[in-house]
PDB file of N, CA and C in Angstrom:
ATOM      1  N   MET A   1     187.883 308.841 291.114  1.00  0.00           N
ATOM      2  CA  MET A   1     187.287 309.615 289.842  1.00  0.00           C
ATOM      3  C   MET A   1     186.161 310.458 290.369  1.00  0.00           C
ATOM      4  N   ASN A   2     186.240 311.740 289.788  1.00  0.00           N
ATOM      5  CA  ASN A   2     185.163 312.702 290.112  1.00  0.00           C
ATOM      6  C   ASN A   2     184.558 313.341 288.879  1.00  0.00           C
ATOM      7  N   ALA A   3     183.676 314.192 289.036  1.00  0.00           N
ATOM      8  CA  ALA A   3     182.987 314.822 287.919  1.00  0.00           C
ATOM      9  C   ALA A   3     183.992 315.782 287.110  1.00  0.00           C
ATOM     10  N   PHE A   4     185.153 316.261 287.662  1.00  0.00           N
ATOM     11  CA  PHE A   4     185.984 316.999 286.979  1.00  0.00           C
ATOM     12  C   PHE A   4     187.219 316.290 286.359  1.00  0.00           C
ATOM     13  N   ASP A   5     187.432 314.979 286.502  1.00  0.00           N
ATOM     14  CA  ASP A   5     188.369 314.251 285.846  1.00  0.00           C
ATOM     15  C   ASP A   5     188.305 314.549 284.247  1.00  0.00           C
ATOM     16  N   GLY A   6     189.470 314.510 283.695  1.00  0.00           N
ATOM     17  CA  GLY A   6     189.623 314.815 282.153  1.00  0.00           C
ATOM     18  C   GLY A   6     189.355 316.238 281.878  1.00  0.00           C
ATOM     19  N   LEU A   7     189.250 317.218 282.922  1.00  0.00           N
ATOM     20  CA  LEU A   7     189.170 318.522 282.433  1.00  0.00           C
ATOM     21  C   LEU A   7     190.717 319.172 282.709  1.00  0.00           C
ATOM     22  N   PRO A   8     190.969 320.369 282.275  1.00  0.00           N
ATOM     23  CA  PRO A   8     192.203 320.827 282.378  1.00  0.00           C
ATOM     24  C   PRO A   8     192.734 320.866 283.690  1.00  0.00           C
ATOM     25  N   GLY A   9     194.068 320.709 283.937  1.00  0.00           N
ATOM     26  CA  GLY A   9     194.637 320.819 285.189  1.00  0.00           C
ATOM     27  C   GLY A   9     194.493 319.548 285.949  1.00  0.00           C
ATOM     28  N   GLY A  10     193.908 318.421 285.445  1.00  0.00           N
ATOM     29  CA  GLY A  10     193.770 317.168 286.186  1.00  0.00           C
ATOM     30  C   GLY A  10     195.056 316.458 286.566  1.00  0.00           C
ATOM     31  N   GLY A  11     195.771 316.271 285.454  1.00  0.00           N
ATOM     32  CA  GLY A  11     196.993 315.522 285.824  1.00  0.00           C
ATOM     33  C   GLY A  11     196.824 314.085 286.492  1.00  0.00           C
ATOM     34  N   GLY A  12     197.845 313.552 286.766  1.00  0.00           N
ATOM     35  CA  GLY A  12     197.723 312.251 287.541  1.00  0.00           C
ATOM     36  C   GLY A  12     198.024 312.370 289.068  1.00  0.00           C
ATOM     37  N   GLY A  13     198.543 313.542 289.508  1.00  0.00           N
ATOM     38  CA  GLY A  13     198.925 313.660 290.882  1.00  0.00           C
ATOM     39  C   GLY A  13     197.825 314.404 291.710  1.00  0.00           C
ATOM     40  N   PRO A  14     198.335 314.826 292.911  1.00  0.00           N
ATOM     41  CA  PRO A  14     197.366 315.565 293.762  1.00  0.00           C
ATOM     42  C   PRO A  14     196.795 316.890 293.189  1.00  0.00           C
ATOM     43  N   ARG A  15     195.629 317.238 293.440  1.00  0.00           N
ATOM     44  CA  ARG A  15     195.147 318.469 292.916  1.00  0.00           C
ATOM     45  C   ARG A  15     194.065 318.983 293.802  1.00  0.00           C
ATOM     46  N   ILE A  16     193.939 320.394 293.601  1.00  0.00           N
ATOM     47  CA  ILE A  16     192.928 321.091 294.269  1.00  0.00           C
ATOM     48  C   ILE A  16     191.945 321.692 293.312  1.00  0.00           C
ATOM     49  N   THR A  17     190.670 321.549 293.513  1.00  0.00           N
ATOM     50  CA  THR A  17     189.653 321.958 292.696  1.00  0.00           C
ATOM     51  C   THR A  17     188.755 323.049 293.487  1.00  0.00           C
ATOM     52  N   LEU A  18     188.536 324.145 293.035  1.00  0.00           N
ATOM     53  CA  LEU A  18     187.538 324.939 293.607  1.00  0.00           C
ATOM     54  C   LEU A  18     186.280 325.123 292.584  1.00  0.00           C
ATOM     55  N   ILE A  19     185.091 325.368 293.324  1.00  0.00           N
ATOM     56  CA  ILE A  19     184.012 325.672 292.523  1.00  0.00           C
ATOM     57  C   ILE A  19     183.473 327.118 292.667  1.00  0.00           C
ATOM     58  N   SER A  20     183.347 327.786 291.705  1.00  0.00           N
ATOM     59  CA  SER A  20     182.849 329.234 291.806  1.00  0.00           C
ATOM     60  C   SER A  20     181.385 329.201 291.261  1.00  0.00           C
ATOM     61  N   VAL A  21     180.550 329.958 292.195  1.00  0.00           N
ATOM     62  CA  VAL A  21     179.056 330.140 291.758  1.00  0.00           C
ATOM     63  C   VAL A  21     179.008 331.614 291.580  1.00  0.00           C
ATOM     64  N   GLU A  22     178.540 332.085 290.381  1.00  0.00           N
ATOM     65  CA  GLU A  22     178.379 333.419 289.966  1.00  0.00           C
ATOM     66  C   GLU A  22     179.659 334.212 290.127  1.00  0.00           C
ATOM     67  N   ARG A  23     180.726 333.605 290.231  1.00  0.00           N
ATOM     68  CA  ARG A  23     182.110 334.176 290.054  1.00  0.00           C
ATOM     69  C   ARG A  23     182.249 335.120 291.560  1.00  0.00           C
ATOM     70  N   THR A  24     181.514 334.858 292.591  1.00  0.00           N
ATOM     71  CA  THR A  24     181.512 335.560 293.756  1.00  0.00           C
ATOM     72  C   THR A  24     181.847 334.587 294.946  1.00  0.00           C
ATOM     73  N   ASN A  25     181.196 333.430 294.943  1.00  0.00           N
ATOM     74  CA  ASN A  25     181.360 332.483 295.960  1.00  0.00           C
ATOM     75  C   ASN A  25     182.049 331.361 295.578  1.00  0.00           C
ATOM     76  N   TYR A  26     183.255 330.968 296.325  1.00  0.00           N
ATOM     77  CA  TYR A  26     184.191 329.848 296.144  1.00  0.00           C
ATOM     78  C   TYR A  26     184.002 328.869 297.132  1.00  0.00           C
ATOM     79  N   TYR A  27     184.148 327.541 296.752  1.00  0.00           N
ATOM     80  CA  TYR A  27     184.114 326.451 297.537  1.00  0.00           C
ATOM     81  C   TYR A  27     185.193 325.557 297.220  1.00  0.00           C
ATOM     82  N   LEU A  28     185.711 324.737 298.244  1.00  0.00           N
ATOM     83  CA  LEU A  28     186.655 323.708 297.967  1.00  0.00           C
ATOM     84  C   LEU A  28     186.228 322.400 297.638  1.00  0.00           C
ATOM     85  N   TYR A  29     186.117 322.019 296.418  1.00  0.00           N
ATOM     86  CA  TYR A  29     185.514 320.691 295.901  1.00  0.00           C
ATOM     87  C   TYR A  29     186.470 319.520 296.194  1.00  0.00           C
ATOM     88  N   GLU A  30     187.731 319.794 295.952  1.00  0.00           N
ATOM     89  CA  GLU A  30     188.724 318.671 295.943  1.00  0.00           C
ATOM     90  C   GLU A  30     190.020 319.220 296.646  1.00  0.00           C
ATOM     91  N   GLY A  31     190.681 318.548 297.441  1.00  0.00           N
ATOM     92  CA  GLY A  31     191.961 318.851 297.921  1.00  0.00           C
ATOM     93  C   GLY A  31     192.028 319.408 299.376  1.00  0.00           C
ATOM     94  N   GLU A  32     191.060 318.809 300.176  1.00  0.00           N
ATOM     95  CA  GLU A  32     190.947 319.275 301.617  1.00  0.00           C
ATOM     96  C   GLU A  32     192.315 318.887 302.250  1.00  0.00           C
ATOM     97  N   ASP A  33     193.055 318.015 301.925  1.00  0.00           N
ATOM     98  CA  ASP A  33     194.447 317.767 302.631  1.00  0.00           C
ATOM     99  C   ASP A  33     195.261 318.828 302.462  1.00  0.00           C
ATOM    100  N   PHE A  34     195.146 319.826 301.503  1.00  0.00           N
ATOM    101  CA  PHE A  34     195.888 321.025 301.208  1.00  0.00           C
ATOM    102  C   PHE A  34     195.304 322.260 301.720  1.00  0.00           C
ATOM    103  N   LEU A  35     194.098 322.308 302.455  1.00  0.00           N
ATOM    104  CA  LEU A  35     193.573 323.375 302.704  1.00  0.00           C
ATOM    105  C   LEU A  35     194.304 324.494 303.596  1.00  0.00           C
ATOM    106  N   ASN A  36     194.954 323.896 304.734  1.00  0.00           N
ATOM    107  CA  ASN A  36     195.747 324.821 305.482  1.00  0.00           C
ATOM    108  C   ASN A  36     196.810 325.556 304.589  1.00  0.00           C
ATOM    109  N   GLN A  37     197.551 324.864 303.784  1.00  0.00           N
ATOM    110  CA  GLN A  37     198.541 325.328 303.060  1.00  0.00           C
ATOM    111  C   GLN A  37     197.994 326.477 301.876  1.00  0.00           C
ATOM    112  N   LEU A  38     196.822 326.117 301.384  1.00  0.00           N
ATOM    113  CA  LEU A  38     196.169 326.898 300.488  1.00  0.00           C
ATOM    114  C   LEU A  38     195.899 328.323 301.143  1.00  0.00           C
ATOM    115  N   LEU A  39     195.490 328.272 302.356  1.00  0.00           N
ATOM    116  CA  LEU A  39     195.050 329.519 303.018  1.00  0.00           C
ATOM    117  C   LEU A  39     196.242 330.369 303.570  1.00  0.00           C
ATOM    118  N   LEU A  40     197.430 329.761 303.694  1.00  0.00           N
ATOM    119  CA  LEU A  40     198.671 330.532 304.008  1.00  0.00           C
ATOM    120  C   LEU A  40     199.198 331.185 302.672  1.00  0.00           C
ATOM    121  N   SER A  41     199.535 332.474 302.938  1.00  0.00           N
ATOM    122  CA  SER A  41     200.183 333.214 301.747  1.00  0.00           C
ATOM    123  C   SER A  41     201.465 332.664 301.301  1.00  0.00           C
ATOM    124  N   ASP A  42     202.170 331.888 302.087  1.00  0.00           N
ATOM    125  CA  ASP A  42     203.552 331.187 301.623  1.00  0.00           C
ATOM    126  C   ASP A  42     203.470 329.703 301.796  1.00  0.00           C
ATOM    127  N   GLY A  43     202.291 329.071 301.747  1.00  0.00           N
ATOM    128  CA  GLY A  43     201.787 327.765 301.790  1.00  0.00           C
ATOM    129  C   GLY A  43     202.421 326.983 300.493  1.00  0.00           C
ATOM    130  N   GLU A  44     202.774 325.709 300.647  1.00  0.00           N
ATOM    131  CA  GLU A  44     203.114 324.777 299.405  1.00  0.00           C
ATOM    132  C   GLU A  44     201.980 323.858 299.203  1.00  0.00           C
ATOM    133  N   PHE A  45     201.482 323.897 297.907  1.00  0.00           N
ATOM    134  CA  PHE A  45     200.233 323.061 297.617  1.00  0.00           C
ATOM    135  C   PHE A  45     200.550 322.739 296.128  1.00  0.00           C
ATOM    136  N   PRO A  46     199.721 321.686 295.547  1.00  0.00           N
ATOM    137  CA  PRO A  46     199.864 321.370 294.186  1.00  0.00           C
ATOM    138  C   PRO A  46     199.289 322.462 293.286  1.00  0.00           C
ATOM    139  N   VAL A  47     199.904 322.844 292.334  1.00  0.00           N
ATOM    140  CA  VAL A  47     199.487 323.846 291.301  1.00  0.00           C
ATOM    141  C   VAL A  47     199.408 323.115 289.868  1.00  0.00           C
ATOM    142  N   PRO A  48     198.642 323.586 288.895  1.00  0.00           N
ATOM    143  CA  PRO A  48     197.601 324.754 289.266  1.00  0.00           C
ATOM    144  C   PRO A  48     196.399 324.376 290.049  1.00  0.00           C
ATOM    145  N   VAL A  49     195.850 325.270 290.589  1.00  0.00           N
ATOM    146  CA  VAL A  49     194.649 325.154 291.435  1.00  0.00           C
ATOM    147  C   VAL A  49     193.498 325.418 290.259  1.00  0.00           C
ATOM    148  N   ARG A  50     192.607 324.372 290.181  1.00  0.00           N
ATOM    149  CA  ARG A  50     191.492 324.544 289.075  1.00  0.00           C
ATOM    150  C   ARG A  50     190.275 325.321 289.754  1.00  0.00           C
ATOM    151  N   CYS A  51     189.853 326.104 288.995  1.00  0.00           N
ATOM    152  CA  CYS A  51     188.631 326.843 289.516  1.00  0.00           C
ATOM    153  C   CYS A  51     187.495 326.638 288.380  1.00  0.00           C
ATOM    154  N   VAL A  52     186.545 325.944 288.715  1.00  0.00           N
ATOM    155  CA  VAL A  52     185.361 325.733 287.708  1.00  0.00           C
ATOM    156  C   VAL A  52     184.217 326.716 287.966  1.00  0.00           C
ATOM    157  N   HIS A  53     183.778 327.458 287.077  1.00  0.00           N
ATOM    158  CA  HIS A  53     182.886 328.486 287.099  1.00  0.00           C
ATOM    159  C   HIS A  53     181.490 328.085 286.799  1.00  0.00           C
ATOM    160  N   PHE A  54     180.572 328.164 287.582  1.00  0.00           N
ATOM    161  CA  PHE A  54     179.074 327.971 287.437  1.00  0.00           C
ATOM    162  C   PHE A  54     178.394 329.283 287.501  1.00  0.00           C
ATOM    163  N   ALA A  55     177.367 329.407 286.508  1.00  0.00           N
ATOM    164  CA  ALA A  55     176.685 330.738 286.460  1.00  0.00           C
ATOM    165  C   ALA A  55     175.692 330.782 287.665  1.00  0.00           C
ATOM    166  N   SER A  56     175.258 329.549 288.187  1.00  0.00           N
ATOM    167  CA  SER A  56     174.184 329.671 289.143  1.00  0.00           C
ATOM    168  C   SER A  56     174.347 328.186 289.917  1.00  0.00           C
ATOM    169  N   VAL A  57     173.702 328.178 291.106  1.00  0.00           N
ATOM    170  CA  VAL A  57     173.571 326.980 291.933  1.00  0.00           C
ATOM    171  C   VAL A  57     172.847 326.022 291.105  1.00  0.00           C
ATOM    172  N   PHE A  58     171.857 326.327 290.148  1.00  0.00           N
ATOM    173  CA  PHE A  58     171.132 325.424 289.442  1.00  0.00           C
ATOM    174  C   PHE A  58     172.143 324.643 288.345  1.00  0.00           C
ATOM    175  N   GLU A  59     173.146 325.439 287.796  1.00  0.00           N
ATOM    176  CA  GLU A  59     174.158 324.842 286.809  1.00  0.00           C
ATOM    177  C   GLU A  59     175.055 323.873 287.783  1.00  0.00           C
ATOM    178  N   GLN A  60     175.368 324.245 288.821  1.00  0.00           N
ATOM    179  CA  GLN A  60     176.251 323.520 289.696  1.00  0.00           C
ATOM    180  C   GLN A  60     175.671 322.177 289.985  1.00  0.00           C
ATOM    181  N   LYS A  61     174.297 322.220 290.394  1.00  0.00           N
ATOM    182  CA  LYS A  61     173.547 321.041 290.750  1.00  0.00           C
ATOM    183  C   LYS A  61     173.343 320.217 289.518  1.00  0.00           C
ATOM    184  N   SER A  62     173.129 320.810 288.276  1.00  0.00           N
ATOM    185  CA  SER A  62     172.859 320.093 287.089  1.00  0.00           C
ATOM    186  C   SER A  62     174.093 319.309 286.706  1.00  0.00           C
ATOM    187  N   PHE A  63     175.321 319.853 286.944  1.00  0.00           N
ATOM    188  CA  PHE A  63     176.571 319.197 286.581  1.00  0.00           C
ATOM    189  C   PHE A  63     176.887 318.201 287.605  1.00  0.00           C
ATOM    190  N   LEU A  64     177.040 318.528 288.925  1.00  0.00           N
ATOM    191  CA  LEU A  64     177.399 317.728 289.953  1.00  0.00           C
ATOM    192  C   LEU A  64     176.524 316.874 290.561  1.00  0.00           C
ATOM    193  N   GLY A  65     175.116 317.125 290.461  1.00  0.00           N
ATOM    194  CA  GLY A  65     174.083 316.302 290.950  1.00  0.00           C
ATOM    195  C   GLY A  65     173.718 316.796 292.261  1.00  0.00           C
ATOM    196  N   GLU A  66     172.604 316.211 292.682  1.00  0.00           N
ATOM    197  CA  GLU A  66     171.943 316.886 293.959  1.00  0.00           C
ATOM    198  C   GLU A  66     172.665 316.418 295.374  1.00  0.00           C
ATOM    199  N   ASP A  67     173.483 315.439 295.195  1.00  0.00           N
ATOM    200  CA  ASP A  67     174.189 314.892 296.349  1.00  0.00           C
ATOM    201  C   ASP A  67     175.369 315.823 296.699  1.00  0.00           C
ATOM    202  N   VAL A  68     175.840 316.783 295.783  1.00  0.00           N
ATOM    203  CA  VAL A  68     176.841 317.754 296.160  1.00  0.00           C
ATOM    204  C   VAL A  68     176.132 318.985 296.726  1.00  0.00           C
ATOM    205  N   SER A  69     176.368 319.115 298.149  1.00  0.00           N
ATOM    206  CA  SER A  69     175.742 320.354 298.797  1.00  0.00           C
ATOM    207  C   SER A  69     176.960 321.282 299.020  1.00  0.00           C
ATOM    208  N   LEU A  70     176.610 322.622 298.759  1.00  0.00           N
ATOM    209  CA  LEU A  70     177.745 323.583 298.787  1.00  0.00           C
ATOM    210  C   LEU A  70     177.823 323.872 300.277  1.00  0.00           C
ATOM    211  N   ALA A  71     176.793 323.678 301.003  1.00  0.00           N
ATOM    212  CA  ALA A  71     176.890 323.881 302.449  1.00  0.00           C
ATOM    213  C   ALA A  71     177.865 323.003 303.214  1.00  0.00           C
ATOM    214  N   ALA A  72     178.120 321.807 302.651  1.00  0.00           N
ATOM    215  CA  ALA A  72     178.910 320.706 303.232  1.00  0.00           C
ATOM    216  C   ALA A  72     180.357 320.972 302.760  1.00  0.00           C
ATOM    217  N   LEU A  73     180.651 322.054 301.887  1.00  0.00           N
ATOM    218  CA  LEU A  73     182.117 322.268 301.384  1.00  0.00           C
ATOM    219  C   LEU A  73     182.678 323.435 302.171  1.00  0.00           C
ATOM    220  N   TRP A  74     183.973 323.415 302.241  1.00  0.00           N
ATOM    221  CA  TRP A  74     184.673 324.534 302.742  1.00  0.00           C
ATOM    222  C   TRP A  74     184.387 325.884 301.894  1.00  0.00           C
ATOM    223  N   GLY A  75     184.010 326.909 302.472  1.00  0.00           N
ATOM    224  CA  GLY A  75     184.110 328.151 301.774  1.00  0.00           C
ATOM    225  C   GLY A  75     185.559 328.783 301.705  1.00  0.00           C
ATOM    226  N   ILE A  76     185.896 329.456 300.480  1.00  0.00           N
ATOM    227  CA  ILE A  76     187.170 330.104 300.188  1.00  0.00           C
ATOM    228  C   ILE A  76     186.915 331.516 300.128  1.00  0.00           C
ATOM    229  N   ASN A  77     187.519 332.293 300.952  1.00  0.00           N
ATOM    230  CA  ASN A  77     187.535 333.688 300.781  1.00  0.00           C
ATOM    231  C   ASN A  77     187.811 334.262 299.439  1.00  0.00           C
ATOM    232  N   PRO A  78     187.083 335.076 298.743  1.00  0.00           N
ATOM    233  CA  PRO A  78     187.419 335.536 297.462  1.00  0.00           C
ATOM    234  C   PRO A  78     188.819 336.255 297.380  1.00  0.00           C
ATOM    235  N   GLU A  79     189.313 336.733 298.446  1.00  0.00           N
ATOM    236  CA  GLU A  79     190.633 337.413 298.556  1.00  0.00           C
ATOM    237  C   GLU A  79     191.731 336.353 298.275  1.00  0.00           C
ATOM    238  N   ILE A  80     191.438 335.160 298.833  1.00  0.00           N
ATOM    239  CA  ILE A  80     192.444 333.998 298.572  1.00  0.00           C
ATOM    240  C   ILE A  80     192.420 333.704 297.287  1.00  0.00           C
ATOM    241  N   VAL A  81     191.238 333.544 296.473  1.00  0.00           N
ATOM    242  CA  VAL A  81     191.284 333.189 295.244  1.00  0.00           C
ATOM    243  C   VAL A  81     191.833 334.242 294.390  1.00  0.00           C
ATOM    244  N   GLU A  82     191.828 335.561 294.748  1.00  0.00           N
ATOM    245  CA  GLU A  82     192.455 336.548 294.063  1.00  0.00           C
ATOM    246  C   GLU A  82     193.944 336.591 294.073  1.00  0.00           C
ATOM    247  N   ARG A  83     194.382 336.176 295.395  1.00  0.00           N
ATOM    248  CA  ARG A  83     195.874 335.945 295.397  1.00  0.00           C
ATOM    249  C   ARG A  83     196.369 334.768 294.625  1.00  0.00           C
ATOM    250  N   LEU A  84     195.522 333.590 294.497  1.00  0.00           N
ATOM    251  CA  LEU A  84     196.049 332.523 293.494  1.00  0.00           C
ATOM    252  C   LEU A  84     196.034 333.130 292.003  1.00  0.00           C
ATOM    253  N   ARG A  85     195.023 333.979 291.707  1.00  0.00           N
ATOM    254  CA  ARG A  85     194.971 334.353 290.399  1.00  0.00           C
ATOM    255  C   ARG A  85     196.189 335.372 290.138  1.00  0.00           C
ATOM    256  N   ARG A  86     196.494 336.253 291.082  1.00  0.00           N
ATOM    257  CA  ARG A  86     197.623 337.191 290.842  1.00  0.00           C
ATOM    258  C   ARG A  86     198.960 336.380 290.964  1.00  0.00           C
ATOM    259  N   ASP A  87     199.163 335.393 291.670  1.00  0.00           N
ATOM    260  CA  ASP A  87     200.370 334.548 291.607  1.00  0.00           C
ATOM    261  C   ASP A  87     200.479 333.705 290.465  1.00  0.00           C
ATOM    262  N   ASP A  88     199.351 333.618 289.721  1.00  0.00           N
ATOM    263  CA  ASP A  88     199.311 332.734 288.484  1.00  0.00           C
ATOM    264  C   ASP A  88     199.292 331.205 288.800  1.00  0.00           C
ATOM    265  N   TYR A  89     198.498 330.899 289.930  1.00  0.00           N
ATOM    266  CA  TYR A  89     198.380 329.464 290.326  1.00  0.00           C
ATOM    267  C   TYR A  89     196.975 329.155 290.013  1.00  0.00           C
ATOM    268  N   LEU A  90     196.152 329.772 289.412  1.00  0.00           N
ATOM    269  CA  LEU A  90     194.837 329.493 289.355  1.00  0.00           C
ATOM    270  C   LEU A  90     194.523 329.249 287.733  1.00  0.00           C
ATOM    271  N   LEU A  91     193.823 328.160 287.493  1.00  0.00           N
ATOM    272  CA  LEU A  91     193.557 327.780 286.123  1.00  0.00           C
ATOM    273  C   LEU A  91     191.926 327.851 286.192  1.00  0.00           C
ATOM    274  N   GLU A  92     191.506 328.815 285.573  1.00  0.00           N
ATOM    275  CA  GLU A  92     189.979 328.983 285.541  1.00  0.00           C
ATOM    276  C   GLU A  92     189.251 328.570 284.119  1.00  0.00           C
ATOM    277  N   PHE A  93     188.108 328.224 284.315  1.00  0.00           N
ATOM    278  CA  PHE A  93     187.344 327.859 283.202  1.00  0.00           C
ATOM    279  C   PHE A  93     185.717 327.610 283.520  1.00  0.00           C
ATOM    280  N   ASP A  94     184.908 327.818 282.647  1.00  0.00           N
ATOM    281  CA  ASP A  94     183.518 327.620 282.756  1.00  0.00           C
ATOM    282  C   ASP A  94     183.323 326.180 282.729  1.00  0.00           C
ATOM    283  N   ALA A  95     182.308 325.656 283.606  1.00  0.00           N
ATOM    284  CA  ALA A  95     181.902 324.335 283.669  1.00  0.00           C
ATOM    285  C   ALA A  95     181.403 323.880 282.243  1.00  0.00           C
ATOM    286  N   PRO A  96     181.750 322.711 281.850  1.00  0.00           N
ATOM    287  CA  PRO A  96     181.397 322.276 280.469  1.00  0.00           C
ATOM    288  C   PRO A  96     179.924 321.666 280.535  1.00  0.00           C
ATOM    289  N   LEU A  97     179.003 322.413 280.256  1.00  0.00           N
ATOM    290  CA  LEU A  97     177.565 322.074 280.357  1.00  0.00           C
ATOM    291  C   LEU A  97     177.136 321.796 279.029  1.00  0.00           C
ATOM    292  N   ASP A  98     176.095 320.979 278.912  1.00  0.00           N
ATOM    293  CA  ASP A  98     175.513 320.428 277.766  1.00  0.00           C
ATOM    294  C   ASP A  98     174.853 321.490 277.090  1.00  0.00           C
TER     295      ASP A  98
END
C-alpha cells in the first residue's frame, strides 16, 4: 500500500507511478522493476503509467511526507515523459491535496 492507492490507474496489477514537480522534473516513485523497459522506446511495461503532478516540492512533501526524498528516486528525462504522453500511455492528474 502506498500514498497513491485508490487514485486513477491503480488497478490491482503491477504499475508505474511518476511524480512530477512543477511539471518540469519527473521521478520514478513506483515501478522500479520496469525502469529499463520504460526507458526503451519499444519496451514492454504496464500501462497506463500514472503521473502525479505537484506544484512544488513543498506540496510533494506535504502529501508524501518527509521520508520521501526526491534525491533517492530515479530521475526520468522529460523527453521520455513526452514520449509516453505522445503514445497515450500516460495518465496525468494533479495530486489530491486537502
